[in-house]
Amino acid sequence: QVQLLESGGGLVQAGGSLRLSCAASGPPSSLNVMGWFRQAPGKQRELVAAIGSGGSTSYADSAKGRFTISRVYAKNLMYLKMNSLKPEDTAVYYCSARRGGRLAKDEAEYDSWGQGTQVTVSS
């Protein structure tokens, strides 16, 4: 069974930075692709970034150039470094994992989820 635990959220001023962490446990076959999603109040959950077992990455347009996703495979850790944060980045950020190898964008294609961590960016 996969367990995902996020940490690192908080309150930051616009222009600031945060690093989110996700600690994963479970069979490696269930952690083939891992991703960060976010959900703002009144909005649908959306993919921020995903990373595959081989290091390939995919980013939402809103994250390109500002966010960096990474993994430490030996320790089952995943990170999201967020720079130049904007108030519109305010959301609950979720760690996710899927067995399939494609860097899927649809949340329905992800099998496991963490509880989420709140990120609030003040203007």
N, C-alpha and C. Protein backbone atom coordinates (compact mmCIF):
# COMPACT_ATOMS: atom_id res chain seq x y z
N GLN A 1 0.85 -1.19 0.00
CA GLN A 1 0.00 0.00 0.00
C GLN A 1 0.89 1.25 0.00
N VAL A 2 0.53 2.20 -0.82
CA VAL A 2 1.31 3.42 -0.95
C VAL A 2 0.85 4.45 0.08
N GLN A 3 1.80 5.09 0.70
CA GLN A 3 1.51 6.22 1.58
C GLN A 3 2.35 7.40 1.14
N LEU A 4 1.72 8.55 1.08
CA LEU A 4 2.39 9.77 0.66
C LEU A 4 2.16 10.84 1.72
N LEU A 5 3.24 11.49 2.14
CA LEU A 5 3.14 12.49 3.19
C LEU A 5 3.84 13.76 2.74
N GLU A 6 3.04 14.83 2.60
CA GLU A 6 3.59 16.11 2.19
C GLU A 6 4.01 16.95 3.39
N SER A 7 4.96 17.83 3.15
CA SER A 7 5.35 18.82 4.15
C SER A 7 5.95 20.01 3.43
N GLY A 8 6.09 21.11 4.15
CA GLY A 8 6.77 22.27 3.60
C GLY A 8 5.88 23.43 3.20
N GLY A 9 4.57 23.25 3.32
CA GLY A 9 3.68 24.36 2.98
C GLY A 9 3.76 25.46 4.02
N GLY A 10 3.11 26.58 3.73
CA GLY A 10 3.10 27.68 4.68
C GLY A 10 2.67 28.97 4.04
N LEU A 11 2.91 30.05 4.76
CA LEU A 11 2.55 31.39 4.31
C LEU A 11 3.82 32.10 3.85
N VAL A 12 3.77 32.69 2.67
CA VAL A 12 4.93 33.38 2.12
C VAL A 12 4.44 34.61 1.36
N GLN A 13 5.28 35.62 1.32
CA GLN A 13 4.92 36.82 0.56
C GLN A 13 5.16 36.60 -0.93
N ALA A 14 4.45 37.35 -1.72
CA ALA A 14 4.64 37.28 -3.17
C ALA A 14 6.10 37.55 -3.51
N GLY A 15 6.62 36.74 -4.43
CA GLY A 15 8.02 36.85 -4.81
C GLY A 15 8.92 35.91 -4.02
N GLY A 16 8.39 35.32 -2.96
CA GLY A 16 9.17 34.44 -2.12
C GLY A 16 9.24 33.02 -2.67
N SER A 17 9.85 32.15 -1.88
CA SER A 17 10.07 30.76 -2.29
C SER A 17 9.64 29.80 -1.19
N LEU A 18 9.28 28.60 -1.62
CA LEU A 18 9.00 27.49 -0.71
C LEU A 18 9.47 26.21 -1.37
N ARG A 19 9.79 25.22 -0.54
CA ARG A 19 10.08 23.89 -1.06
C ARG A 19 9.16 22.89 -0.38
N LEU A 20 8.37 22.23 -1.20
CA LEU A 20 7.50 21.17 -0.70
C LEU A 20 8.22 19.83 -0.80
N SER A 21 7.95 18.98 0.17
CA SER A 21 8.53 17.64 0.18
C SER A 21 7.42 16.61 0.24
N CYS A 22 7.69 15.46 -0.35
CA CYS A 22 6.76 14.34 -0.28
C CYS A 22 7.57 13.09 0.04
N ALA A 23 7.24 12.46 1.16
CA ALA A 23 7.87 11.20 1.53
C ALA A 23 6.93 10.07 1.15
N ALA A 24 7.44 9.14 0.36
CA ALA A 24 6.60 8.06 -0.16
C ALA A 24 7.04 6.72 0.41
N SER A 25 6.09 5.85 0.59
CA SER A 25 6.39 4.47 0.96
C SER A 25 5.46 3.56 0.15
N GLY A 26 5.98 2.37 -0.17
CA GLY A 26 5.19 1.44 -0.96
C GLY A 26 6.05 0.80 -2.02
N PRO A 27 5.48 -0.13 -2.75
CA PRO A 27 6.25 -0.83 -3.79
C PRO A 27 6.68 0.12 -4.90
N PRO A 28 7.90 -0.02 -5.37
CA PRO A 28 8.40 0.87 -6.43
C PRO A 28 7.52 0.88 -7.67
N SER A 29 6.86 -0.24 -7.93
CA SER A 29 6.00 -0.31 -9.11
C SER A 29 4.82 0.65 -9.01
N SER A 30 4.47 1.03 -7.81
CA SER A 30 3.35 1.96 -7.60
C SER A 30 3.79 3.42 -7.59
N LEU A 31 5.10 3.63 -7.68
CA LEU A 31 5.65 4.98 -7.62
C LEU A 31 6.37 5.33 -8.92
N ASN A 32 5.91 4.77 -10.01
CA ASN A 32 6.58 4.96 -11.29
C ASN A 32 6.64 6.44 -11.66
N VAL A 33 5.50 7.07 -11.66
CA VAL A 33 5.40 8.52 -11.89
C VAL A 33 4.86 9.16 -10.63
N MET A 34 5.46 10.27 -10.26
CA MET A 34 4.95 11.04 -9.12
C MET A 34 4.70 12.47 -9.57
N GLY A 35 3.73 13.08 -8.93
CA GLY A 35 3.37 14.42 -9.36
C GLY A 35 2.89 15.29 -8.21
N TRP A 36 2.89 16.57 -8.49
CA TRP A 36 2.30 17.56 -7.59
C TRP A 36 1.08 18.16 -8.26
N PHE A 37 -0.02 18.11 -7.57
CA PHE A 37 -1.25 18.76 -8.00
C PHE A 37 -1.57 19.87 -7.00
N ARG A 38 -2.45 20.78 -7.41
CA ARG A 38 -2.92 21.79 -6.48
C ARG A 38 -4.39 22.07 -6.74
N GLN A 39 -5.05 22.49 -5.65
CA GLN A 39 -6.46 22.83 -5.76
C GLN A 39 -6.71 24.11 -4.98
N ALA A 40 -7.13 25.14 -5.70
CA ALA A 40 -7.49 26.40 -5.09
C ALA A 40 -8.98 26.39 -4.77
N PRO A 41 -9.42 27.20 -3.84
CA PRO A 41 -10.84 27.23 -3.48
C PRO A 41 -11.72 27.49 -4.69
N GLY A 42 -12.73 26.65 -4.86
CA GLY A 42 -13.66 26.81 -5.96
C GLY A 42 -13.16 26.38 -7.31
N LYS A 43 -11.96 25.79 -7.34
CA LYS A 43 -11.39 25.37 -8.63
C LYS A 43 -11.12 23.88 -8.62
N GLN A 44 -10.95 23.33 -9.81
CA GLN A 44 -10.61 21.93 -9.94
C GLN A 44 -9.14 21.70 -9.61
N ARG A 45 -8.85 20.49 -9.18
CA ARG A 45 -7.46 20.12 -8.92
C ARG A 45 -6.72 20.04 -10.25
N GLU A 46 -5.53 20.60 -10.29
CA GLU A 46 -4.77 20.65 -11.53
C GLU A 46 -3.34 20.19 -11.30
N LEU A 47 -2.77 19.60 -12.34
CA LEU A 47 -1.38 19.17 -12.27
C LEU A 47 -0.47 20.39 -12.28
N VAL A 48 0.51 20.38 -11.39
CA VAL A 48 1.55 21.41 -11.38
C VAL A 48 2.79 20.89 -12.09
N ALA A 49 3.22 19.68 -11.70
CA ALA A 49 4.41 19.07 -12.30
C ALA A 49 4.41 17.58 -12.02
N ALA A 50 5.05 16.84 -12.90
CA ALA A 50 5.17 15.39 -12.73
C ALA A 50 6.58 14.97 -13.10
N ILE A 51 7.01 13.85 -12.53
CA ILE A 51 8.35 13.34 -12.80
C ILE A 51 8.30 11.82 -12.86
N GLY A 52 8.97 11.27 -13.85
CA GLY A 52 8.95 9.83 -14.04
C GLY A 52 10.12 9.14 -13.35
N SER A 53 10.13 7.83 -13.45
CA SER A 53 11.18 7.03 -12.81
C SER A 53 12.54 7.27 -13.44
N GLY A 54 12.54 7.71 -14.69
CA GLY A 54 13.80 7.98 -15.37
C GLY A 54 14.24 9.43 -15.32
N GLY A 55 13.45 10.24 -14.63
CA GLY A 55 13.82 11.64 -14.47
C GLY A 55 13.14 12.59 -15.44
N SER A 56 12.33 12.07 -16.35
CA SER A 56 11.61 12.97 -17.26
C SER A 56 10.61 13.80 -16.45
N THR A 57 10.37 15.02 -16.92
CA THR A 57 9.50 15.93 -16.17
C THR A 57 8.49 16.59 -17.10
N SER A 58 7.42 17.04 -16.48
CA SER A 58 6.39 17.78 -17.20
C SER A 58 5.87 18.85 -16.27
N TYR A 59 5.62 20.04 -16.82
CA TYR A 59 5.15 21.16 -16.01
C TYR A 59 3.92 21.80 -16.62
N ALA A 60 3.06 22.30 -15.74
CA ALA A 60 1.99 23.16 -16.20
C ALA A 60 2.60 24.46 -16.70
N ASP A 61 1.94 25.12 -17.64
CA ASP A 61 2.46 26.38 -18.16
C ASP A 61 2.69 27.39 -17.04
N SER A 62 1.81 27.38 -16.05
CA SER A 62 1.91 28.34 -14.95
C SER A 62 3.13 28.10 -14.07
N ALA A 63 3.69 26.89 -14.15
CA ALA A 63 4.83 26.53 -13.31
C ALA A 63 6.17 26.63 -14.03
N LYS A 64 6.14 26.64 -15.34
CA LYS A 64 7.39 26.64 -16.10
C LYS A 64 8.23 27.88 -15.80
N GLY A 65 9.50 27.64 -15.54
CA GLY A 65 10.41 28.74 -15.26
C GLY A 65 10.43 29.19 -13.81
N ARG A 66 9.46 28.75 -13.03
CA ARG A 66 9.41 29.15 -11.62
C ARG A 66 9.52 27.96 -10.66
N PHE A 67 8.97 26.82 -11.06
CA PHE A 67 8.95 25.65 -10.18
C PHE A 67 9.88 24.58 -10.74
N THR A 68 10.46 23.79 -9.83
CA THR A 68 11.29 22.67 -10.23
C THR A 68 10.91 21.45 -9.43
N ILE A 69 10.60 20.36 -10.13
CA ILE A 69 10.28 19.10 -9.49
C ILE A 69 11.50 18.20 -9.51
N SER A 70 11.70 17.45 -8.44
CA SER A 70 12.84 16.55 -8.38
C SER A 70 12.51 15.36 -7.49
N ARG A 71 13.30 14.32 -7.64
CA ARG A 71 13.13 13.12 -6.81
C ARG A 71 14.49 12.62 -6.34
N VAL A 72 14.50 12.06 -5.14
CA VAL A 72 15.64 11.29 -4.65
C VAL A 72 15.14 9.85 -4.60
N TYR A 73 15.45 9.11 -5.63
CA TYR A 73 14.84 7.80 -5.82
C TYR A 73 15.22 6.83 -4.71
N ALA A 74 16.45 6.90 -4.26
CA ALA A 74 16.93 5.95 -3.24
C ALA A 74 16.21 6.13 -1.91
N LYS A 75 15.66 7.33 -1.69
CA LYS A 75 14.99 7.61 -0.42
C LYS A 75 13.48 7.81 -0.58
N ASN A 76 12.98 7.57 -1.77
CA ASN A 76 11.54 7.75 -2.04
C ASN A 76 11.05 9.14 -1.63
N LEU A 77 11.81 10.13 -2.01
CA LEU A 77 11.44 11.51 -1.72
C LEU A 77 11.22 12.27 -3.02
N MET A 78 10.28 13.20 -2.97
CA MET A 78 10.02 14.07 -4.10
C MET A 78 9.91 15.50 -3.58
N TYR A 79 10.36 16.44 -4.38
CA TYR A 79 10.34 17.83 -3.97
C TYR A 79 9.71 18.71 -5.05
N LEU A 80 9.22 19.84 -4.61
CA LEU A 80 8.78 20.88 -5.53
C LEU A 80 9.34 22.19 -5.01
N LYS A 81 10.34 22.71 -5.70
CA LYS A 81 10.89 24.02 -5.34
C LYS A 81 10.12 25.07 -6.10
N MET A 82 9.55 26.00 -5.37
CA MET A 82 8.71 27.04 -5.96
C MET A 82 9.34 28.40 -5.70
N ASN A 83 9.68 29.07 -6.77
CA ASN A 83 10.26 30.42 -6.71
C ASN A 83 9.29 31.44 -7.30
N SER A 84 9.55 32.70 -7.00
CA SER A 84 8.74 33.79 -7.55
C SER A 84 7.26 33.53 -7.37
N LEU A 85 6.89 33.16 -6.18
CA LEU A 85 5.50 32.80 -5.90
C LEU A 85 4.56 33.99 -6.06
N LYS A 86 3.37 33.68 -6.54
CA LYS A 86 2.34 34.68 -6.80
C LYS A 86 1.10 34.36 -5.96
N PRO A 87 0.28 35.34 -5.68
CA PRO A 87 -0.95 35.05 -4.92
C PRO A 87 -1.81 33.97 -5.59
N GLU A 88 -1.77 33.90 -6.90
CA GLU A 88 -2.57 32.88 -7.59
C GLU A 88 -2.01 31.48 -7.43
N ASP A 89 -0.85 31.34 -6.81
CA ASP A 89 -0.32 30.01 -6.49
C ASP A 89 -0.92 29.47 -5.19
N THR A 90 -1.68 30.29 -4.50
CA THR A 90 -2.32 29.86 -3.26
C THR A 90 -3.25 28.69 -3.52
N ALA A 91 -3.02 27.59 -2.80
CA ALA A 91 -3.81 26.37 -3.00
C ALA A 91 -3.35 25.33 -2.00
N VAL A 92 -4.11 24.24 -1.94
CA VAL A 92 -3.63 23.04 -1.26
C VAL A 92 -2.86 22.23 -2.30
N TYR A 93 -1.65 21.86 -1.95
CA TYR A 93 -0.79 21.11 -2.87
C TYR A 93 -0.76 19.64 -2.44
N TYR A 94 -0.98 18.76 -3.40
CA TYR A 94 -1.06 17.33 -3.14
C TYR A 94 0.06 16.58 -3.85
N CYS A 95 0.63 15.63 -3.16
CA CYS A 95 1.57 14.67 -3.74
C CYS A 95 0.76 13.50 -4.28
N SER A 96 1.16 12.98 -5.44
CA SER A 96 0.42 11.88 -6.04
C SER A 96 1.39 10.91 -6.70
N ALA A 97 0.90 9.71 -6.96
CA ALA A 97 1.73 8.69 -7.61
C ALA A 97 0.86 7.79 -8.49
N ARG A 98 1.46 7.28 -9.54
CA ARG A 98 0.75 6.36 -10.41
C ARG A 98 1.67 5.23 -10.85
N ARG A 99 1.06 4.10 -11.18
CA ARG A 99 1.83 2.94 -11.61
C ARG A 99 2.26 3.07 -13.06
N GLY A 100 1.44 3.69 -13.85
CA GLY A 100 1.75 3.83 -15.26
C GLY A 100 2.96 4.71 -15.49
N GLY A 101 3.56 4.56 -16.67
CA GLY A 101 4.79 5.27 -16.95
C GLY A 101 4.63 6.62 -17.62
N ARG A 102 3.41 6.95 -18.02
CA ARG A 102 3.21 8.22 -18.73
C ARG A 102 3.06 9.36 -17.73
N LEU A 103 3.58 10.53 -18.11
CA LEU A 103 3.46 11.71 -17.26
C LEU A 103 2.07 12.30 -17.44
N ALA A 104 1.11 11.63 -16.86
CA ALA A 104 -0.29 11.99 -17.07
C ALA A 104 -0.62 13.32 -16.41
N LYS A 105 -1.57 14.04 -17.02
CA LYS A 105 -2.01 15.33 -16.48
C LYS A 105 -3.34 15.23 -15.75
N ASP A 106 -4.08 14.18 -16.02
CA ASP A 106 -5.42 14.01 -15.45
C ASP A 106 -5.32 13.36 -14.08
N GLU A 107 -5.91 13.97 -13.08
CA GLU A 107 -5.83 13.42 -11.72
C GLU A 107 -6.44 12.03 -11.64
N ALA A 108 -7.36 11.71 -12.52
CA ALA A 108 -7.99 10.40 -12.50
C ALA A 108 -7.01 9.27 -12.82
N GLU A 109 -5.89 9.62 -13.41
CA GLU A 109 -4.90 8.61 -13.78
C GLU A 109 -3.89 8.33 -12.67
N TYR A 110 -4.03 9.03 -11.57
CA TYR A 110 -3.13 8.82 -10.44
C TYR A 110 -3.81 7.94 -9.40
N ASP A 111 -3.03 7.00 -8.85
CA ASP A 111 -3.59 5.97 -7.99
C ASP A 111 -3.55 6.32 -6.51
N SER A 112 -2.58 7.12 -6.12
CA SER A 112 -2.37 7.38 -4.69
C SER A 112 -2.21 8.88 -4.45
N TRP A 113 -2.68 9.29 -3.28
CA TRP A 113 -2.67 10.72 -2.94
C TRP A 113 -2.27 10.93 -1.49
N GLY A 114 -1.59 12.05 -1.27
CA GLY A 114 -1.35 12.50 0.09
C GLY A 114 -2.50 13.34 0.59
N GLN A 115 -2.37 13.80 1.81
CA GLN A 115 -3.44 14.58 2.44
C GLN A 115 -3.40 16.05 2.02
N GLY A 116 -2.29 16.50 1.50
CA GLY A 116 -2.18 17.88 1.04
C GLY A 116 -1.52 18.79 2.05
N THR A 117 -0.92 19.84 1.53
CA THR A 117 -0.30 20.86 2.36
C THR A 117 -0.69 22.23 1.81
N GLN A 118 -1.05 23.13 2.70
CA GLN A 118 -1.54 24.43 2.29
C GLN A 118 -0.38 25.37 1.97
N VAL A 119 -0.49 26.03 0.82
CA VAL A 119 0.45 27.09 0.44
C VAL A 119 -0.37 28.36 0.27
N THR A 120 0.01 29.40 1.00
CA THR A 120 -0.67 30.68 0.92
C THR A 120 0.34 31.76 0.58
N VAL A 121 0.07 32.48 -0.50
CA VAL A 121 0.97 33.54 -0.95
C VAL A 121 0.24 34.87 -0.79
N SER A 122 0.79 35.72 0.03
CA SER A 122 0.16 37.02 0.29
C SER A 122 0.72 38.07 -0.65
N SER A 123 -0.14 39.02 -0.99
CA SER A 123 0.30 40.08 -1.94
C SER A 123 0.90 41.26 -1.20
